[in-house]
């Protein structure tokens, strides 16, 4: 088992780094702030969680538990923070580039209250 953990740790660290790189390329290449935020939050959270899991596999004891706890907290809070920032940007008047389906959030916010989205 001790010969397997370095390989697992290396694979998780490499995979997390590649996903983080893809997210960074997405931030540079995507057209508006909403898609950039999506790329940064999703790829950043998953990449960092994989790096923390690789760190946990490489270490032992309380540090491994702390790294796994940090990965769990990150995976639970990063999507919520990205959603809150996107909602605040939309309320501040930053318009997204929309496709043929339009902007459903703008249609639902007719009176300024939080209305459910129509499908």
Protein backbone atom coordinates (compact mmCIF):
# COMPACT_ATOMS: atom_id res chain seq x y z
CA UNK A 1 0.00 0.00 0.00
CA UNK A 2 2.87 2.38 0.73
CA UNK A 3 4.15 1.98 -2.85
CA UNK A 4 0.73 2.96 -4.25
CA UNK A 5 0.28 6.25 -2.37
CA UNK A 6 3.10 8.19 -4.09
CA UNK A 7 1.66 7.27 -7.48
CA UNK A 8 -1.84 8.24 -6.40
CA UNK A 9 -0.58 11.51 -4.95
CA UNK A 10 1.34 12.34 -8.12
CA UNK A 11 -1.65 11.55 -10.33
CA UNK A 12 -4.00 13.70 -8.23
CA UNK A 13 -1.55 16.61 -8.16
CA UNK A 14 -1.02 16.42 -11.91
CA UNK A 15 -4.73 16.14 -12.68
CA UNK A 16 -5.55 19.06 -10.36
CA UNK A 17 -2.86 21.18 -12.01
CA UNK A 18 -4.15 20.39 -15.50
CA UNK A 19 -7.73 21.25 -14.53
CA UNK A 20 -6.51 24.50 -12.96
CA UNK A 21 -4.63 25.32 -16.16
CA UNK A 22 -7.72 24.67 -18.26
CA UNK A 23 -9.70 26.98 -15.97
CA UNK A 24 -7.07 29.71 -16.33
CA UNK A 25 -7.16 29.39 -20.10
CA UNK A 26 -10.95 29.68 -19.89
CA UNK A 27 -10.64 32.91 -17.94
CA UNK A 28 -8.44 34.33 -20.68
CA UNK A 29 -10.47 33.08 -23.64
CA UNK A 30 -14.15 33.33 -22.66
CA UNK A 31 -16.13 36.38 -23.79
CA UNK A 32 -17.90 37.87 -20.77
CA UNK A 33 -17.60 38.07 -17.01
CA UNK A 34 -20.22 35.39 -16.33
CA UNK A 35 -18.56 32.69 -18.41
CA UNK A 36 -15.16 33.66 -17.02
CA UNK A 37 -16.53 33.39 -13.49
CA UNK A 38 -17.99 29.99 -14.34
CA UNK A 39 -14.64 28.77 -15.63
CA UNK A 40 -12.72 30.12 -12.66
CA UNK A 41 -15.07 28.79 -10.00
CA UNK A 42 -15.73 25.31 -11.36
CA UNK A 43 -12.25 24.45 -12.60
CA UNK A 44 -10.55 26.27 -9.74
CA UNK A 45 -12.56 24.47 -7.07
CA UNK A 46 -12.15 21.03 -8.64
CA UNK A 47 -8.46 21.55 -9.40
CA UNK A 48 -7.72 22.77 -5.90
CA UNK A 49 -9.72 19.93 -4.35
CA UNK A 50 -7.71 17.40 -6.36
CA UNK A 51 -4.44 19.06 -5.33
CA UNK A 52 -5.54 18.95 -1.68
CA UNK A 53 -6.51 15.28 -2.08
CA UNK A 54 -3.06 14.58 -3.56
CA UNK A 55 -1.49 16.39 -0.63
CA UNK A 56 -3.56 14.28 1.75
CA UNK A 57 -2.43 11.10 -0.01
CA UNK A 58 1.21 12.18 0.25
CA UNK A 59 1.01 13.05 3.94
CA UNK A 60 -0.27 11.20 6.94
CA UNK A 61 -2.01 11.90 10.20
CA UNK A 62 -3.72 15.14 11.11
CA UNK A 63 -2.41 17.05 8.08
CA UNK A 64 -4.13 14.63 5.69
CA UNK A 65 -7.40 15.06 7.58
CA UNK A 66 -7.02 18.86 7.48
CA UNK A 67 -6.36 18.79 3.71
CA UNK A 68 -9.47 16.66 3.10
CA UNK A 69 -11.54 18.96 5.31
CA UNK A 70 -10.27 22.00 3.39
CA UNK A 71 -11.17 20.31 0.09
CA UNK A 72 -14.68 19.62 1.36
CA UNK A 73 -15.18 23.19 2.52
CA UNK A 74 -13.87 24.48 -0.81
CA UNK A 75 -16.20 22.25 -2.82
CA UNK A 76 -19.16 23.37 -0.70
CA UNK A 77 -18.50 27.12 -0.76
CA UNK A 78 -16.92 27.95 -4.15
CA UNK A 79 -20.08 27.40 -6.25
CA UNK A 80 -22.14 29.41 -3.76
CA UNK A 81 -19.70 32.30 -3.85
CA UNK A 82 -19.63 32.30 -7.66
CA UNK A 83 -23.42 32.32 -7.77
CA UNK A 84 -23.59 35.24 -5.34
CA UNK A 85 -21.04 37.23 -7.36
CA UNK A 86 -22.88 36.53 -10.62
CA UNK A 87 -26.18 37.57 -9.07
CA UNK A 88 -24.64 40.78 -7.74
CA UNK A 89 -23.09 41.54 -11.13
CA UNK A 90 -26.44 41.03 -12.84
CA UNK A 91 -28.19 43.32 -10.36
CA UNK A 92 -25.46 45.93 -10.89
CA UNK A 93 -26.35 46.03 -14.57
CA UNK A 94 -23.57 43.97 -16.13
CA UNK A 95 -25.36 42.22 -18.97
CA UNK A 96 -24.31 38.77 -20.16
CA UNK A 97 -23.83 37.83 -23.78
CA UNK A 98 -26.97 35.86 -24.46
CA UNK A 99 -27.76 33.27 -27.03
CA UNK A 100 -31.08 32.39 -28.62
CA UNK A 101 -32.69 31.60 -25.25
CA UNK A 102 -32.21 35.13 -23.91
CA UNK A 103 -31.68 36.28 -20.33
CA UNK A 104 -34.21 34.48 -18.10
CA UNK A 105 -32.97 36.25 -14.98
CA UNK A 106 -33.72 39.67 -16.46
CA UNK A 107 -37.24 38.50 -17.35
CA UNK A 108 -37.84 37.22 -13.81
CA UNK A 109 -36.68 40.41 -12.08
CA UNK A 110 -39.47 42.62 -13.32
CA UNK A 111 -40.37 44.07 -9.92
CA UNK A 112 -36.95 43.82 -8.25
CA UNK A 113 -37.95 40.94 -5.99
CA UNK A 114 -36.57 37.45 -6.20
CA UNK A 115 -39.04 35.81 -8.54
CA UNK A 116 -38.79 32.21 -9.70
CA UNK A 117 -37.31 31.68 -13.14
CA UNK A 118 -39.70 30.79 -15.93
CA UNK A 119 -38.84 27.90 -18.21
